[in-house]
Amino acid sequence: YIRALYNNDSTLINSIKVINYNIHEVYSPFPIHNLTKLLKLKKTNLSFLSFIYGLVGFCIACVLTWYTMIWSWPQNIGGKPSFSWIRNLPSFIPVIFELSIFFSAHFMCITYLIQCRLFPGRMPKNPDPRTTDDMFLIEIYTKKNDEKLMNILKKNGAIEVLITKN
């Protein structure tokens, strides 16, 4: 790998535009606008998963309200009929909504941790601790020591250019 360290996000973006190599990873202390377009990363399915988790929460909430208020323990609350779930639906809407949001939010957190591989006790893969504060790093995979690439990186504002073997 060749790693180039930058102190400014605009020089990082300009350098990415110039490089015609396969960029393995970019480390940044904050999100950079349009970086995913420059790296040509595919769109994630997290929004679809959020919808699925909300749908699961909706279904479980419907079954829960039916089971607790109609089947298992029917009660006459405020004169509302306890023999039909559909007739009591307006009183169940807050419960159904809250459980849909609950399932979606909690399972999205778990999905995010799995997607980013942030398991408890796992050592971080950040190659340079300065990228968590104020520096930016590009990691480029090459099979040989490419002097041409190193010169391009230095010419485009890289503070440090290192060659590492992983």
C-alpha atoms as a PDB file:
ATOM      1  CA  TYR A   1       0.000   0.000   0.000  1.00  0.00           C
ATOM      2  CA  ILE A   2       0.989   3.578  -0.558  1.00  0.00           C
ATOM      3  CA  ARG A   3      -0.400   5.959   2.037  1.00  0.00           C
ATOM      4  CA  ALA A   4      -0.570   9.702   1.475  1.00  0.00           C
ATOM      5  CA  LEU A   5      -1.338  12.039   4.372  1.00  0.00           C
ATOM      6  CA  TYR A   6      -3.041  15.412   3.825  1.00  0.00           C
ATOM      7  CA  ASN A   7      -3.860  18.287   6.164  1.00  0.00           C
ATOM      8  CA  ASN A   8      -6.758  19.749   4.154  1.00  0.00           C
ATOM      9  CA  ASP A   9      -9.862  18.138   2.681  1.00  0.00           C
ATOM     10  CA  SER A  10      -9.805  20.275  -0.477  1.00  0.00           C
ATOM     11  CA  THR A  11      -6.264  19.144  -1.344  1.00  0.00           C
ATOM     12  CA  LEU A  12      -7.367  15.569  -0.670  1.00  0.00           C
ATOM     13  CA  ILE A  13     -10.295  15.948  -3.097  1.00  0.00           C
ATOM     14  CA  ASN A  14      -8.065  17.550  -5.753  1.00  0.00           C
ATOM     15  CA  SER A  15      -5.539  14.754  -5.366  1.00  0.00           C
ATOM     16  CA  ILE A  16      -8.234  12.081  -5.731  1.00  0.00           C
ATOM     17  CA  LYS A  17      -9.394  13.748  -8.963  1.00  0.00           C
ATOM     18  CA  VAL A  18      -5.861  13.600 -10.403  1.00  0.00           C
ATOM     19  CA  ILE A  19      -4.993  10.020  -9.382  1.00  0.00           C
ATOM     20  CA  ASN A  20      -5.943   7.266 -11.826  1.00  0.00           C
ATOM     21  CA  TYR A  21      -5.161   4.433  -9.428  1.00  0.00           C
ATOM     22  CA  ASN A  22      -7.430   2.145  -7.438  1.00  0.00           C
ATOM     23  CA  ILE A  23      -7.914   3.885  -4.086  1.00  0.00           C
ATOM     24  CA  HIS A  24      -8.387   1.246  -1.408  1.00  0.00           C
ATOM     25  CA  GLU A  25      -9.573   3.481   1.456  1.00  0.00           C
ATOM     26  CA  VAL A  26      -9.807   7.105   2.558  1.00  0.00           C
ATOM     27  CA  TYR A  27      -9.580   7.983   6.256  1.00  0.00           C
ATOM     28  CA  SER A  28     -11.076  11.269   7.390  1.00  0.00           C
ATOM     29  CA  PRO A  29     -12.001  12.847  10.746  1.00  0.00           C
ATOM     30  CA  PHE A  30     -15.369  13.955   9.329  1.00  0.00           C
ATOM     31  CA  PRO A  31     -17.597  13.129   6.325  1.00  0.00           C
ATOM     32  CA  ILE A  32     -16.503  14.751   3.067  1.00  0.00           C
ATOM     33  CA  HIS A  33     -19.140  15.860   0.578  1.00  0.00           C
ATOM     34  CA  ASN A  34     -19.117  13.933  -2.762  1.00  0.00           C
ATOM     35  CA  LEU A  35     -16.319  11.589  -1.672  1.00  0.00           C
ATOM     36  CA  THR A  36     -18.425   8.523  -2.467  1.00  0.00           C
ATOM     37  CA  LYS A  37     -18.967   9.802  -6.019  1.00  0.00           C
ATOM     38  CA  LEU A  38     -15.257  10.409  -6.521  1.00  0.00           C
ATOM     39  CA  LEU A  39     -14.367   6.940  -5.238  1.00  0.00           C
ATOM     40  CA  LYS A  40     -17.189   5.418  -7.334  1.00  0.00           C
ATOM     41  CA  LEU A  41     -18.614   3.514  -4.379  1.00  0.00           C
ATOM     42  CA  LYS A  42     -21.904   1.700  -4.794  1.00  0.00           C
ATOM     43  CA  LYS A  43     -25.003   2.893  -2.964  1.00  0.00           C
ATOM     44  CA  THR A  44     -25.758   1.019   0.238  1.00  0.00           C
ATOM     45  CA  ASN A  45     -28.994  -0.825   0.959  1.00  0.00           C
ATOM     46  CA  LEU A  46     -29.367   0.653   4.443  1.00  0.00           C
ATOM     47  CA  SER A  47     -32.544   2.571   3.572  1.00  0.00           C
ATOM     48  CA  PHE A  48     -34.166  -0.617   2.263  1.00  0.00           C
ATOM     49  CA  LEU A  49     -33.118  -2.477   5.415  1.00  0.00           C
ATOM     50  CA  SER A  50     -34.571   0.322   7.544  1.00  0.00           C
ATOM     51  CA  PHE A  51     -37.890  -0.084   5.744  1.00  0.00           C
ATOM     52  CA  ILE A  52     -37.806  -3.870   6.268  1.00  0.00           C
ATOM     53  CA  TYR A  53     -37.035  -3.442   9.985  1.00  0.00           C
ATOM     54  CA  GLY A  54     -39.909  -0.963  10.307  1.00  0.00           C
ATOM     55  CA  LEU A  55     -42.215  -3.400   8.511  1.00  0.00           C
ATOM     56  CA  VAL A  56     -41.194  -6.190  10.906  1.00  0.00           C
ATOM     57  CA  GLY A  57     -41.911  -3.839  13.825  1.00  0.00           C
ATOM     58  CA  PHE A  58     -45.289  -2.978  12.296  1.00  0.00           C
ATOM     59  CA  CYS A  59     -46.226  -6.667  11.970  1.00  0.00           C
ATOM     60  CA  ILE A  60     -45.089  -7.513  15.492  1.00  0.00           C
ATOM     61  CA  ALA A  61     -46.987  -4.503  16.867  1.00  0.00           C
ATOM     62  CA  CYS A  62     -50.168  -5.604  15.082  1.00  0.00           C
ATOM     63  CA  VAL A  63     -49.858  -9.134  16.457  1.00  0.00           C
ATOM     64  CA  LEU A  64     -49.008  -7.794  19.927  1.00  0.00           C
ATOM     65  CA  THR A  65     -52.013  -5.471  20.086  1.00  0.00           C
ATOM     66  CA  TRP A  66     -54.332  -8.164  18.749  1.00  0.00           C
ATOM     67  CA  TYR A  67     -53.046 -10.782  21.186  1.00  0.00           C
ATOM     68  CA  THR A  68     -52.983  -8.591  24.302  1.00  0.00           C
ATOM     69  CA  MET A  69     -56.184  -6.596  23.792  1.00  0.00           C
ATOM     70  CA  ILE A  70     -58.445  -8.947  21.789  1.00  0.00           C
ATOM     71  CA  TRP A  71     -57.419 -12.568  22.322  1.00  0.00           C
ATOM     72  CA  SER A  72     -55.624 -12.970  25.646  1.00  0.00           C
ATOM     73  CA  TRP A  73     -57.126 -10.315  27.918  1.00  0.00           C
ATOM     74  CA  PRO A  74     -60.115  -8.518  26.353  1.00  0.00           C
ATOM     75  CA  GLN A  75     -61.260  -5.518  28.365  1.00  0.00           C
ATOM     76  CA  ASN A  76     -63.965  -2.943  27.852  1.00  0.00           C
ATOM     77  CA  ILE A  77     -62.036   0.325  27.919  1.00  0.00           C
ATOM     78  CA  GLY A  78     -64.136   3.424  27.370  1.00  0.00           C
ATOM     79  CA  GLY A  79     -66.960   1.445  25.793  1.00  0.00           C
ATOM     80  CA  LYS A  80     -64.813   0.303  22.861  1.00  0.00           C
ATOM     81  CA  PRO A  81     -65.652  -3.166  21.590  1.00  0.00           C
ATOM     82  CA  SER A  82     -63.112  -5.835  22.483  1.00  0.00           C
ATOM     83  CA  PHE A  83     -64.197  -8.406  19.902  1.00  0.00           C
ATOM     84  CA  SER A  84     -62.652  -6.780  16.814  1.00  0.00           C
ATOM     85  CA  TRP A  85     -59.112  -5.575  16.210  1.00  0.00           C
ATOM     86  CA  ILE A  86     -60.161  -3.472  13.197  1.00  0.00           C
ATOM     87  CA  ARG A  87     -62.737  -1.517  15.201  1.00  0.00           C
ATOM     88  CA  ASN A  88     -60.105  -0.707  17.830  1.00  0.00           C
ATOM     89  CA  LEU A  89     -57.402   0.172  15.294  1.00  0.00           C
ATOM     90  CA  PRO A  90     -57.427   3.951  16.015  1.00  0.00           C
ATOM     91  CA  SER A  91     -56.473   3.286  19.633  1.00  0.00           C
ATOM     92  CA  PHE A  92     -53.641   0.949  18.540  1.00  0.00           C
ATOM     93  CA  ILE A  93     -52.022   3.354  16.056  1.00  0.00           C
ATOM     94  CA  PRO A  94     -49.629   4.944  18.633  1.00  0.00           C
ATOM     95  CA  VAL A  95     -48.410   1.505  19.742  1.00  0.00           C
ATOM     96  CA  ILE A  96     -47.964   0.323  16.157  1.00  0.00           C
ATOM     97  CA  PHE A  97     -46.127   3.514  15.184  1.00  0.00           C
ATOM     98  CA  GLU A  98     -43.809   3.418  18.200  1.00  0.00           C
ATOM     99  CA  LEU A  99     -42.881  -0.234  17.724  1.00  0.00           C
ATOM    100  CA  SER A 100     -42.202   0.357  14.024  1.00  0.00           C
ATOM    101  CA  ILE A 101     -39.794   3.179  14.897  1.00  0.00           C
ATOM    102  CA  PHE A 102     -38.285   1.162  17.769  1.00  0.00           C
ATOM    103  CA  PHE A 103     -37.515  -1.852  15.571  1.00  0.00           C
ATOM    104  CA  SER A 104     -36.202   0.281  12.732  1.00  0.00           C
ATOM    105  CA  ALA A 105     -33.887   2.360  14.944  1.00  0.00           C
ATOM    106  CA  HIS A 106     -32.481  -0.459  17.036  1.00  0.00           C
ATOM    107  CA  PHE A 107     -31.910  -2.896  14.200  1.00  0.00           C
ATOM    108  CA  MET A 108     -30.344  -0.127  12.092  1.00  0.00           C
ATOM    109  CA  CYS A 109     -27.829   0.504  14.887  1.00  0.00           C
ATOM    110  CA  ILE A 110     -26.982  -3.200  14.980  1.00  0.00           C
ATOM    111  CA  THR A 111     -26.752  -3.340  11.168  1.00  0.00           C
ATOM    112  CA  TYR A 112     -24.455  -0.311  11.131  1.00  0.00           C
ATOM    113  CA  LEU A 113     -22.126  -1.860  13.703  1.00  0.00           C
ATOM    114  CA  ILE A 114     -21.997  -5.106  11.717  1.00  0.00           C
ATOM    115  CA  GLN A 115     -21.494  -3.287   8.395  1.00  0.00           C
ATOM    116  CA  CYS A 116     -18.614  -1.211   9.794  1.00  0.00           C
ATOM    117  CA  ARG A 117     -17.220  -4.218  11.692  1.00  0.00           C
ATOM    118  CA  LEU A 118     -17.285  -2.336  14.997  1.00  0.00           C
ATOM    119  CA  PHE A 119     -17.528  -5.355  17.246  1.00  0.00           C
ATOM    120  CA  PRO A 120     -16.736  -5.073  20.978  1.00  0.00           C
ATOM    121  CA  GLY A 121     -13.061  -5.728  21.689  1.00  0.00           C
ATOM    122  CA  ARG A 122     -11.980  -5.383  18.064  1.00  0.00           C
ATOM    123  CA  MET A 123      -8.817  -3.425  17.455  1.00  0.00           C
ATOM    124  CA  PRO A 124      -9.255  -0.413  15.149  1.00  0.00           C
ATOM    125  CA  LYS A 125      -7.796  -0.607  11.638  1.00  0.00           C
ATOM    126  CA  ASN A 126      -6.975   3.075  11.425  1.00  0.00           C
ATOM    127  CA  PRO A 127      -3.404   3.231  10.058  1.00  0.00           C
ATOM    128  CA  ASP A 128      -2.613   6.677  11.456  1.00  0.00           C
ATOM    129  CA  PRO A 129      -4.149   8.093  14.656  1.00  0.00           C
ATOM    130  CA  ARG A 130      -3.823  11.639  13.295  1.00  0.00           C
ATOM    131  CA  THR A 131      -6.737  10.936  10.924  1.00  0.00           C
ATOM    132  CA  THR A 132      -9.105  10.951  13.898  1.00  0.00           C
ATOM    133  CA  ASP A 133      -8.173  14.551  14.699  1.00  0.00           C
ATOM    134  CA  ASP A 134      -7.234  16.794  11.778  1.00  0.00           C
ATOM    135  CA  MET A 135      -5.503  14.798   9.014  1.00  0.00           C
ATOM    136  CA  PHE A 136      -6.728  12.914   5.938  1.00  0.00           C
ATOM    137  CA  LEU A 137      -5.201   9.749   4.503  1.00  0.00           C
ATOM    138  CA  ILE A 138      -5.500   8.005   1.142  1.00  0.00           C
ATOM    139  CA  GLU A 139      -4.567   4.337   0.990  1.00  0.00           C
ATOM    140  CA  ILE A 140      -3.775   3.077  -2.517  1.00  0.00           C
ATOM    141  CA  TYR A 141      -3.128  -0.561  -3.323  1.00  0.00           C
ATOM    142  CA  THR A 142      -0.193  -1.187  -5.646  1.00  0.00           C
ATOM    143  CA  LYS A 143       1.797  -4.359  -6.273  1.00  0.00           C
ATOM    144  CA  LYS A 144       5.085  -2.514  -6.701  1.00  0.00           C
ATOM    145  CA  ASN A 145       6.701   0.624  -5.365  1.00  0.00           C
ATOM    146  CA  ASP A 146       5.387   3.161  -7.819  1.00  0.00           C
ATOM    147  CA  GLU A 147       7.658   6.217  -7.846  1.00  0.00           C
ATOM    148  CA  LYS A 148       5.437   7.945 -10.404  1.00  0.00           C
ATOM    149  CA  LEU A 149       2.434   7.702  -8.079  1.00  0.00           C
ATOM    150  CA  MET A 150       4.473   8.925  -5.113  1.00  0.00           C
ATOM    151  CA  ASN A 151       5.606  11.966  -7.100  1.00  0.00           C
ATOM    152  CA  ILE A 152       2.012  12.723  -8.168  1.00  0.00           C
ATOM    153  CA  LEU A 153       0.853  12.518  -4.550  1.00  0.00           C
ATOM    154  CA  LYS A 154       3.640  14.797  -3.304  1.00  0.00           C
ATOM    155  CA  LYS A 155       3.035  17.265  -6.132  1.00  0.00           C
ATOM    156  CA  ASN A 156      -0.682  17.461  -5.239  1.00  0.00           C
ATOM    157  CA  GLY A 157      -0.146  18.457  -1.615  1.00  0.00           C
ATOM    158  CA  ALA A 158       0.568  15.273   0.342  1.00  0.00           C
ATOM    159  CA  ILE A 159       2.474  15.998   3.545  1.00  0.00           C
ATOM    160  CA  GLU A 160       3.763  12.433   3.915  1.00  0.00           C
ATOM    161  CA  VAL A 161       3.874   9.538   1.476  1.00  0.00           C
ATOM    162  CA  LEU A 162       4.634   6.128   2.971  1.00  0.00           C
ATOM    163  CA  ILE A 163       4.989   2.649   1.522  1.00  0.00           C
ATOM    164  CA  THR A 164       3.654  -0.136   3.746  1.00  0.00           C
ATOM    165  CA  LYS A 165       3.163  -3.862   3.355  1.00  0.00           C
ATOM    166  CA  ASN A 166      -0.088  -5.359   4.656  1.00  0.00           C
END
